[in-house]
Amino acid sequence: MCKFSRQLVLRLILCLAFDHIYGQVSERIVGGSAVTQKIYPYYVRLHYRGLFSCGGSLVRNNAVLTAAHCVSGRNVEELSVHADTINLGDTGVVRTIKYMLVPKKYDAYTLNYDVAVLILSSAIPSAPVIPLNKDAVPAGTSCLVIGHGRTKENGVLSRQLQEIYVPIMSREVCQHKYLGNYVVTQYMMCAWRLGKKDSCKGDSGGPMVCNGKQAGIVSWGLGCGRVQYPGVYTDISQVYGFIEYLLKKYA
């Protein structure tokens, strides 16, 4: 953080603080298609105070993986998880949260190490879980992203679950695209299809799945589907040790 100028740090803080109002630094589906059958049973919705807030994924029948910025600073007693649903109008299988586990490394200003594990109050019997990817995904790999996020930058949330496939971009190229605006760290990965397909506000915390394994968590981006700015995801391969430690200890 010491490498930022004071003006840049202030700009980042303000953008993050007013994201929900102006939709600039997006919590990050643009250019996707509707999911009409329950073919991604590991996908879950996070609700806060009864309202949809983020996506997540079942990594154990009693544990959900999501983004830290979706839950950090929130009252765990007011969070709930909705599974087995593809429409915001469906309640699905509901669970409250027993433990909300956010890493000390998480930085709310830069969104570095943007990962959290939620231990459910009770398991979801026979819940299909998504395996985690331990290795870095090569640039050019086409990966699936699903969520209820906005279908355009200033649009509204999608009631029906959406899906897109986007190619992974090398971290070096992504860092260059955000140079002078935001920092893409070693714990992040990028993907998008040249301003046509991207995650968007409301997709945060949801899974990016590459070759059948979850490789990323929807984290942030500048706008949605913009030609110059890719979507940024937490790189599972870089935070895998943290996730596995918590799952062994609590799940």
C-alpha atoms as a PDB file:
ATOM      1  CA  MET A   1       0.000   0.000   0.000  1.00  0.00           C
ATOM      2  CA  CYS A   2       2.942   2.305   0.582  1.00  0.00           C
ATOM      3  CA  LYS A   3       3.588   2.262  -3.173  1.00  0.00           C
ATOM      4  CA  PHE A   4       0.345   4.153  -3.866  1.00  0.00           C
ATOM      5  CA  SER A   5       0.259   7.932  -3.997  1.00  0.00           C
ATOM      6  CA  ARG A   6      -2.034   9.533  -1.429  1.00  0.00           C
ATOM      7  CA  GLN A   7      -4.352  10.701  -4.215  1.00  0.00           C
ATOM      8  CA  LEU A   8      -4.608   7.218  -5.728  1.00  0.00           C
ATOM      9  CA  VAL A   9      -5.337   5.608  -2.364  1.00  0.00           C
ATOM     10  CA  LEU A  10      -8.104   8.134  -1.698  1.00  0.00           C
ATOM     11  CA  ARG A  11      -9.559   7.516  -5.136  1.00  0.00           C
ATOM     12  CA  LEU A  12      -9.622   3.766  -4.564  1.00  0.00           C
ATOM     13  CA  ILE A  13     -11.251   4.107  -1.148  1.00  0.00           C
ATOM     14  CA  LEU A  14     -13.942   6.408  -2.507  1.00  0.00           C
ATOM     15  CA  CYS A  15     -14.670   4.137  -5.464  1.00  0.00           C
ATOM     16  CA  LEU A  16     -15.039   1.121  -3.224  1.00  0.00           C
ATOM     17  CA  ALA A  17     -17.123   2.978  -0.675  1.00  0.00           C
ATOM     18  CA  PHE A  18     -19.633   4.240  -3.255  1.00  0.00           C
ATOM     19  CA  ASP A  19     -19.704   1.146  -5.443  1.00  0.00           C
ATOM     20  CA  HIS A  20     -23.252   0.203  -4.469  1.00  0.00           C
ATOM     21  CA  ILE A  21     -24.459   3.658  -5.521  1.00  0.00           C
ATOM     22  CA  TYR A  22     -22.518   4.409  -8.682  1.00  0.00           C
ATOM     23  CA  GLY A  23     -21.488   0.935  -9.902  1.00  0.00           C
ATOM     24  CA  GLN A  24     -17.923   1.863 -10.825  1.00  0.00           C
ATOM     25  CA  VAL A  25     -15.618  -0.672  -9.190  1.00  0.00           C
ATOM     26  CA  SER A  26     -18.071  -3.488  -9.747  1.00  0.00           C
ATOM     27  CA  GLU A  27     -18.603  -6.344  -7.375  1.00  0.00           C
ATOM     28  CA  ARG A  28     -18.662  -7.982 -10.408  1.00  0.00           C
ATOM     29  CA  ILE A  29     -23.150 -11.410 -16.170  1.00  0.00           C
ATOM     30  CA  VAL A  30     -22.796  -9.426 -19.262  1.00  0.00           C
ATOM     31  CA  GLY A  31     -23.353 -11.228 -22.581  1.00  0.00           C
ATOM     32  CA  GLY A  32     -24.516 -14.443 -20.927  1.00  0.00           C
ATOM     33  CA  SER A  33     -27.462 -16.791 -21.326  1.00  0.00           C
ATOM     34  CA  ALA A  34     -30.124 -17.974 -18.903  1.00  0.00           C
ATOM     35  CA  VAL A  35     -29.720 -21.184 -16.946  1.00  0.00           C
ATOM     36  CA  THR A  36     -33.098 -22.934 -17.128  1.00  0.00           C
ATOM     37  CA  GLN A  37     -32.231 -26.226 -15.444  1.00  0.00           C
ATOM     38  CA  LYS A  38     -30.406 -26.990 -12.213  1.00  0.00           C
ATOM     39  CA  ILE A  39     -27.165 -28.072 -13.865  1.00  0.00           C
ATOM     40  CA  TYR A  40     -24.905 -26.203 -11.429  1.00  0.00           C
ATOM     41  CA  PRO A  41     -26.146 -27.544  -8.073  1.00  0.00           C
ATOM     42  CA  TYR A  42     -23.031 -26.316  -6.268  1.00  0.00           C
ATOM     43  CA  TYR A  43     -24.030 -22.674  -6.847  1.00  0.00           C
ATOM     44  CA  VAL A  44     -25.622 -20.899  -3.881  1.00  0.00           C
ATOM     45  CA  ARG A  45     -26.968 -17.426  -3.126  1.00  0.00           C
ATOM     46  CA  LEU A  46     -25.951 -15.360  -0.128  1.00  0.00           C
ATOM     47  CA  HIS A  47     -28.632 -13.209   1.468  1.00  0.00           C
ATOM     48  CA  TYR A  48     -28.080 -10.470   4.024  1.00  0.00           C
ATOM     49  CA  ARG A  49     -30.997  -9.283   6.096  1.00  0.00           C
ATOM     50  CA  GLY A  50     -33.263 -11.251   3.789  1.00  0.00           C
ATOM     51  CA  LEU A  51     -31.999  -9.699   0.548  1.00  0.00           C
ATOM     52  CA  PHE A  52     -29.800 -11.276  -2.133  1.00  0.00           C
ATOM     53  CA  SER A  53     -26.262  -9.935  -1.961  1.00  0.00           C
ATOM     54  CA  CYS A  54     -23.718 -12.322  -3.521  1.00  0.00           C
ATOM     55  CA  GLY A  55     -23.051 -15.735  -4.979  1.00  0.00           C
ATOM     56  CA  GLY A  56     -21.084 -18.624  -3.545  1.00  0.00           C
ATOM     57  CA  SER A  57     -20.280 -22.283  -4.066  1.00  0.00           C
ATOM     58  CA  LEU A  58     -20.661 -25.442  -2.032  1.00  0.00           C
ATOM     59  CA  VAL A  59     -17.212 -26.921  -1.435  1.00  0.00           C
ATOM     60  CA  ARG A  60     -18.472 -29.274   1.302  1.00  0.00           C
ATOM     61  CA  ASN A  61     -22.047 -30.197   2.154  1.00  0.00           C
ATOM     62  CA  ASN A  62     -21.706 -27.830   5.126  1.00  0.00           C
ATOM     63  CA  ALA A  63     -19.277 -25.228   3.730  1.00  0.00           C
ATOM     64  CA  VAL A  64     -19.569 -22.393   1.206  1.00  0.00           C
ATOM     65  CA  LEU A  65     -16.784 -20.524  -0.579  1.00  0.00           C
ATOM     66  CA  THR A  66     -17.365 -16.861  -1.420  1.00  0.00           C
ATOM     67  CA  ALA A  67     -15.603 -13.484  -1.580  1.00  0.00           C
ATOM     68  CA  ALA A  68     -14.478 -11.809   1.628  1.00  0.00           C
ATOM     69  CA  HIS A  69     -15.966  -8.458   0.568  1.00  0.00           C
ATOM     70  CA  CYS A  70     -19.402 -10.122   0.472  1.00  0.00           C
ATOM     71  CA  VAL A  71     -19.368 -10.901   4.187  1.00  0.00           C
ATOM     72  CA  SER A  72     -16.612  -8.927   5.917  1.00  0.00           C
ATOM     73  CA  GLY A  73     -17.977  -6.602   8.575  1.00  0.00           C
ATOM     74  CA  ARG A  74     -21.450  -8.097   8.447  1.00  0.00           C
ATOM     75  CA  ASN A  75     -23.391  -9.688  11.266  1.00  0.00           C
ATOM     76  CA  VAL A  76     -23.155 -13.441  10.773  1.00  0.00           C
ATOM     77  CA  GLU A  77     -26.593 -13.890  12.356  1.00  0.00           C
ATOM     78  CA  GLU A  78     -28.150 -11.879   9.518  1.00  0.00           C
ATOM     79  CA  LEU A  79     -26.535 -13.940   6.747  1.00  0.00           C
ATOM     80  CA  SER A  80     -28.166 -16.957   5.087  1.00  0.00           C
ATOM     81  CA  VAL A  81     -27.391 -19.319   2.222  1.00  0.00           C
ATOM     82  CA  HIS A  82     -29.952 -20.445  -0.385  1.00  0.00           C
ATOM     83  CA  ALA A  83     -29.091 -23.628  -2.313  1.00  0.00           C
ATOM     84  CA  ASP A  84     -30.877 -25.666  -5.020  1.00  0.00           C
ATOM     85  CA  THR A  85     -32.322 -22.664  -6.862  1.00  0.00           C
ATOM     86  CA  ILE A  86     -31.812 -20.906 -10.220  1.00  0.00           C
ATOM     87  CA  ASN A  87     -34.261 -18.035  -9.787  1.00  0.00           C
ATOM     88  CA  LEU A  88     -34.262 -15.235  -7.216  1.00  0.00           C
ATOM     89  CA  GLY A  89     -37.954 -15.877  -6.655  1.00  0.00           C
ATOM     90  CA  ASP A  90     -37.265 -19.396  -5.397  1.00  0.00           C
ATOM     91  CA  THR A  91     -36.362 -19.903  -1.761  1.00  0.00           C
ATOM     92  CA  GLY A  92     -34.558 -23.203  -2.215  1.00  0.00           C
ATOM     93  CA  VAL A  93     -32.809 -24.936   0.668  1.00  0.00           C
ATOM     94  CA  VAL A  94     -31.930 -22.369   3.327  1.00  0.00           C
ATOM     95  CA  ARG A  95     -29.187 -22.516   5.932  1.00  0.00           C
ATOM     96  CA  THR A  96     -27.898 -20.005   8.458  1.00  0.00           C
ATOM     97  CA  ILE A  97     -24.186 -19.547   9.139  1.00  0.00           C
ATOM     98  CA  LYS A  98     -22.336 -21.070  12.073  1.00  0.00           C
ATOM     99  CA  TYR A  99     -18.876 -19.630  11.329  1.00  0.00           C
ATOM    100  CA  MET A 100     -17.832 -16.815   9.005  1.00  0.00           C
ATOM    101  CA  LEU A 101     -14.103 -17.188   8.294  1.00  0.00           C
ATOM    102  CA  VAL A 102     -12.274 -14.268   6.648  1.00  0.00           C
ATOM    103  CA  PRO A 103      -8.443 -14.279   6.334  1.00  0.00           C
ATOM    104  CA  LYS A 104      -6.330 -11.678   8.101  1.00  0.00           C
ATOM    105  CA  LYS A 105      -4.601 -11.079   4.752  1.00  0.00           C
ATOM    106  CA  TYR A 106      -7.808  -9.735   3.228  1.00  0.00           C
ATOM    107  CA  ASP A 107      -7.489  -6.043   2.331  1.00  0.00           C
ATOM    108  CA  ALA A 108     -10.831  -4.266   1.996  1.00  0.00           C
ATOM    109  CA  TYR A 109      -9.232  -1.355   0.079  1.00  0.00           C
ATOM    110  CA  THR A 110      -7.377  -3.313  -2.608  1.00  0.00           C
ATOM    111  CA  LEU A 111      -9.562  -6.467  -2.441  1.00  0.00           C
ATOM    112  CA  ASN A 112      -6.398  -8.526  -2.166  1.00  0.00           C
ATOM    113  CA  TYR A 113      -6.935 -12.070  -0.813  1.00  0.00           C
ATOM    114  CA  ASP A 114     -10.661 -11.718  -1.419  1.00  0.00           C
ATOM    115  CA  VAL A 115     -11.841 -15.104  -0.119  1.00  0.00           C
ATOM    116  CA  ALA A 116     -14.040 -16.335   2.721  1.00  0.00           C
ATOM    117  CA  VAL A 117     -15.327 -19.677   3.976  1.00  0.00           C
ATOM    118  CA  LEU A 118     -18.773 -20.013   5.552  1.00  0.00           C
ATOM    119  CA  ILE A 119     -19.542 -23.014   7.741  1.00  0.00           C
ATOM    120  CA  LEU A 120     -23.262 -23.747   7.663  1.00  0.00           C
ATOM    121  CA  SER A 121     -25.389 -24.295  10.748  1.00  0.00           C
ATOM    122  CA  SER A 122     -26.245 -27.761   9.409  1.00  0.00           C
ATOM    123  CA  ALA A 123     -25.204 -29.769   6.377  1.00  0.00           C
ATOM    124  CA  ILE A 124     -27.226 -29.983   3.175  1.00  0.00           C
ATOM    125  CA  PRO A 125     -27.723 -33.750   2.700  1.00  0.00           C
ATOM    126  CA  SER A 126     -26.372 -35.165  -0.569  1.00  0.00           C
ATOM    127  CA  ALA A 127     -25.318 -31.681  -1.673  1.00  0.00           C
ATOM    128  CA  PRO A 128     -23.185 -31.806  -4.859  1.00  0.00           C
ATOM    129  CA  VAL A 129     -19.929 -29.951  -4.217  1.00  0.00           C
ATOM    130  CA  ILE A 130     -17.421 -28.376  -6.619  1.00  0.00           C
ATOM    131  CA  PRO A 131     -13.779 -29.531  -6.392  1.00  0.00           C
ATOM    132  CA  LEU A 132     -11.110 -26.845  -6.086  1.00  0.00           C
ATOM    133  CA  ASN A 133      -8.322 -26.237  -8.570  1.00  0.00           C
ATOM    134  CA  LYS A 134      -4.828 -26.406  -7.033  1.00  0.00           C
ATOM    135  CA  ASP A 135      -2.828 -25.264 -10.069  1.00  0.00           C
ATOM    136  CA  ALA A 136      -2.658 -22.033 -12.021  1.00  0.00           C
ATOM    137  CA  VAL A 137      -4.926 -21.991 -15.090  1.00  0.00           C
ATOM    138  CA  PRO A 138      -3.119 -21.273 -18.394  1.00  0.00           C
ATOM    139  CA  ALA A 139      -4.023 -18.105 -20.289  1.00  0.00           C
ATOM    140  CA  GLY A 140      -6.567 -18.768 -23.024  1.00  0.00           C
ATOM    141  CA  THR A 141      -8.453 -21.439 -21.070  1.00  0.00           C
ATOM    142  CA  SER A 142     -12.220 -21.023 -21.441  1.00  0.00           C
ATOM    143  CA  CYS A 143     -13.940 -20.949 -18.045  1.00  0.00           C
ATOM    144  CA  LEU A 144     -17.537 -20.870 -16.843  1.00  0.00           C
ATOM    145  CA  VAL A 145     -18.892 -18.050 -14.676  1.00  0.00           C
ATOM    146  CA  ILE A 146     -22.418 -18.101 -13.235  1.00  0.00           C
ATOM    147  CA  GLY A 147     -24.415 -15.599 -11.232  1.00  0.00           C
ATOM    148  CA  HIS A 148     -27.437 -13.331 -10.796  1.00  0.00           C
ATOM    149  CA  GLY A 149     -25.494 -10.130 -11.467  1.00  0.00           C
ATOM    150  CA  ARG A 150     -26.391  -7.248 -13.747  1.00  0.00           C
ATOM    151  CA  THR A 151     -26.629  -8.048 -17.458  1.00  0.00           C
ATOM    152  CA  LYS A 152     -25.177  -4.626 -18.288  1.00  0.00           C
ATOM    153  CA  GLU A 153     -23.145  -2.082 -16.368  1.00  0.00           C
ATOM    154  CA  ASN A 154     -26.035   0.098 -15.209  1.00  0.00           C
ATOM    155  CA  GLY A 155     -28.703  -2.577 -15.413  1.00  0.00           C
ATOM    156  CA  VAL A 156     -30.573  -4.539 -12.791  1.00  0.00           C
ATOM    157  CA  LEU A 157     -29.952  -7.918 -11.199  1.00  0.00           C
ATOM    158  CA  SER A 158     -30.960 -10.938 -13.245  1.00  0.00           C
ATOM    159  CA  ARG A 159     -33.721 -12.947 -11.563  1.00  0.00           C
ATOM    160  CA  GLN A 160     -32.757 -16.010 -13.608  1.00  0.00           C
ATOM    161  CA  LEU A 161     -29.290 -17.458 -13.091  1.00  0.00           C
ATOM    162  CA  GLN A 162     -26.954 -16.554 -15.977  1.00  0.00           C
ATOM    163  CA  GLU A 163     -23.902 -18.304 -17.436  1.00  0.00           C
ATOM    164  CA  ILE A 164     -20.986 -17.227 -19.620  1.00  0.00           C
ATOM    165  CA  TYR A 165     -17.710 -18.670 -20.824  1.00  0.00           C
ATOM    166  CA  VAL A 166     -14.728 -16.353 -20.747  1.00  0.00           C
ATOM    167  CA  PRO A 167     -11.037 -16.956 -21.566  1.00  0.00           C
ATOM    168  CA  ILE A 168      -8.352 -16.515 -18.927  1.00  0.00           C
ATOM    169  CA  MET A 169      -5.999 -13.583 -19.479  1.00  0.00           C
ATOM    170  CA  SER A 170      -2.389 -13.654 -18.334  1.00  0.00           C
ATOM    171  CA  ARG A 171      -1.805 -11.755 -15.100  1.00  0.00           C
ATOM    172  CA  GLU A 172       0.894  -9.645 -16.777  1.00  0.00           C
ATOM    173  CA  VAL A 173      -1.468  -8.426 -19.511  1.00  0.00           C
ATOM    174  CA  CYS A 174      -4.181  -7.742 -16.931  1.00  0.00           C
ATOM    175  CA  GLN A 175      -1.774  -5.803 -14.724  1.00  0.00           C
ATOM    176  CA  HIS A 176      -0.854  -3.650 -17.710  1.00  0.00           C
ATOM    177  CA  LYS A 177      -4.527  -2.902 -18.480  1.00  0.00           C
ATOM    178  CA  TYR A 178      -5.149  -1.693 -14.925  1.00  0.00           C
ATOM    179  CA  LEU A 179      -1.804   0.111 -14.628  1.00  0.00           C
ATOM    180  CA  GLY A 180      -2.247   3.514 -13.036  1.00  0.00           C
ATOM    181  CA  ASN A 181      -5.727   2.697 -11.736  1.00  0.00           C
ATOM    182  CA  TYR A 182      -5.696  -0.436  -9.572  1.00  0.00           C
ATOM    183  CA  VAL A 183      -3.302  -3.200  -8.610  1.00  0.00           C
ATOM    184  CA  VAL A 184      -3.703  -6.802  -9.827  1.00  0.00           C
ATOM    185  CA  THR A 185      -1.800  -8.923  -7.299  1.00  0.00           C
ATOM    186  CA  GLN A 186      -0.495 -12.493  -7.323  1.00  0.00           C
ATOM    187  CA  TYR A 187      -3.706 -13.595  -5.576  1.00  0.00           C
ATOM    188  CA  MET A 188      -5.838 -12.432  -8.504  1.00  0.00           C
ATOM    189  CA  MET A 189      -6.579 -13.737 -11.991  1.00  0.00           C
ATOM    190  CA  CYS A 190      -8.354 -12.085 -14.912  1.00  0.00           C
ATOM    191  CA  ALA A 191     -10.792 -13.110 -17.634  1.00  0.00           C
ATOM    192  CA  TRP A 192     -13.208 -11.522 -20.108  1.00  0.00           C
ATOM    193  CA  ARG A 193     -14.074 -11.575 -23.801  1.00  0.00           C
ATOM    194  CA  LEU A 194     -13.131  -8.193 -25.234  1.00  0.00           C
ATOM    195  CA  GLY A 195     -15.957  -6.090 -23.908  1.00  0.00           C
ATOM    196  CA  LYS A 196     -18.660  -8.642 -24.783  1.00  0.00           C
ATOM    197  CA  LYS A 197     -18.732 -11.140 -21.917  1.00  0.00           C
ATOM    198  CA  ASP A 198     -17.930 -10.340 -18.297  1.00  0.00           C
ATOM    199  CA  SER A 199     -19.118 -10.754 -14.738  1.00  0.00           C
ATOM    200  CA  CYS A 200     -20.832  -7.744 -13.188  1.00  0.00           C
ATOM    201  CA  LYS A 201     -22.245  -6.277 -10.004  1.00  0.00           C
ATOM    202  CA  GLY A 202     -24.135  -8.972  -8.075  1.00  0.00           C
ATOM    203  CA  ASP A 203     -21.991 -11.839  -9.368  1.00  0.00           C
ATOM    204  CA  SER A 204     -19.457 -11.345  -6.573  1.00  0.00           C
ATOM    205  CA  GLY A 205     -18.501 -14.407  -4.587  1.00  0.00           C
ATOM    206  CA  GLY A 206     -19.696 -16.786  -7.291  1.00  0.00           C
ATOM    207  CA  PRO A 207     -17.486 -19.444  -8.863  1.00  0.00           C
ATOM    208  CA  MET A 208     -15.327 -19.398 -11.974  1.00  0.00           C
ATOM    209  CA  VAL A 209     -15.071 -23.030 -13.110  1.00  0.00           C
ATOM    210  CA  CYS A 210     -12.276 -24.221 -15.392  1.00  0.00           C
ATOM    211  CA  ASN A 211     -12.150 -27.821 -16.616  1.00  0.00           C
ATOM    212  CA  GLY A 212     -14.692 -28.935 -14.024  1.00  0.00           C
ATOM    213  CA  LYS A 213     -12.953 -27.388 -11.010  1.00  0.00           C
ATOM    214  CA  GLN A 214     -13.417 -24.037  -9.313  1.00  0.00           C
ATOM    215  CA  ALA A 215     -10.415 -21.920 -10.223  1.00  0.00           C
ATOM    216  CA  GLY A 216     -11.621 -18.461  -9.240  1.00  0.00           C
ATOM    217  CA  ILE A 217     -14.048 -16.377  -7.182  1.00  0.00           C
ATOM    218  CA  VAL A 218     -15.749 -13.353  -8.757  1.00  0.00           C
ATOM    219  CA  SER A 219     -14.108 -10.373  -7.058  1.00  0.00           C
ATOM    220  CA  TRP A 220     -13.985  -6.980  -8.813  1.00  0.00           C
ATOM    221  CA  GLY A 221     -13.486  -4.996 -12.008  1.00  0.00           C
ATOM    222  CA  LEU A 222     -13.761  -1.476 -13.393  1.00  0.00           C
ATOM    223  CA  GLY A 223     -17.237  -1.350 -14.857  1.00  0.00           C
ATOM    224  CA  CYS A 224     -18.747  -4.377 -16.620  1.00  0.00           C
ATOM    225  CA  GLY A 225     -17.927  -5.600 -20.094  1.00  0.00           C
ATOM    226  CA  ARG A 226     -15.741  -2.607 -20.881  1.00  0.00           C
ATOM    227  CA  VAL A 227     -13.302  -3.068 -23.767  1.00  0.00           C
ATOM    228  CA  GLN A 228     -10.278  -1.976 -21.759  1.00  0.00           C
ATOM    229  CA  TYR A 229     -10.899  -3.582 -18.348  1.00  0.00           C
ATOM    230  CA  PRO A 230     -11.145  -7.347 -17.694  1.00  0.00           C
ATOM    231  CA  GLY A 231     -13.020  -8.940 -14.791  1.00  0.00           C
ATOM    232  CA  VAL A 232     -10.809  -9.806 -11.831  1.00  0.00           C
ATOM    233  CA  TYR A 233     -11.171 -12.980  -9.768  1.00  0.00           C
ATOM    234  CA  THR A 234      -9.526 -14.395  -6.672  1.00  0.00           C
ATOM    235  CA  ASP A 235      -7.082 -17.084  -7.844  1.00  0.00           C
ATOM    236  CA  ILE A 236      -7.976 -20.324  -6.004  1.00  0.00           C
ATOM    237  CA  SER A 237      -4.541 -21.815  -6.670  1.00  0.00           C
ATOM    238  CA  GLN A 238      -2.996 -18.956  -4.673  1.00  0.00           C
ATOM    239  CA  VAL A 239      -5.321 -19.232  -1.664  1.00  0.00           C
ATOM    240  CA  TYR A 240      -5.861 -23.005  -1.753  1.00  0.00           C
ATOM    241  CA  GLY A 241      -3.843 -23.647   1.417  1.00  0.00           C
ATOM    242  CA  PHE A 242      -5.969 -21.204   3.422  1.00  0.00           C
ATOM    243  CA  ILE A 243      -9.218 -22.778   2.188  1.00  0.00           C
ATOM    244  CA  GLU A 244      -8.125 -26.361   2.826  1.00  0.00           C
ATOM    245  CA  TYR A 245      -6.859 -25.503   6.314  1.00  0.00           C
ATOM    246  CA  LEU A 246     -10.244 -24.086   7.281  1.00  0.00           C
ATOM    247  CA  LEU A 247     -12.194 -26.942   5.735  1.00  0.00           C
ATOM    248  CA  LYS A 248     -10.156 -29.516   7.628  1.00  0.00           C
ATOM    249  CA  LYS A 249     -10.527 -27.596  10.859  1.00  0.00           C
ATOM    250  CA  TYR A 250     -14.193 -26.636  10.746  1.00  0.00           C
ATOM    251  CA  ALA A 251     -16.074 -28.537   8.021  1.00  0.00           C
END
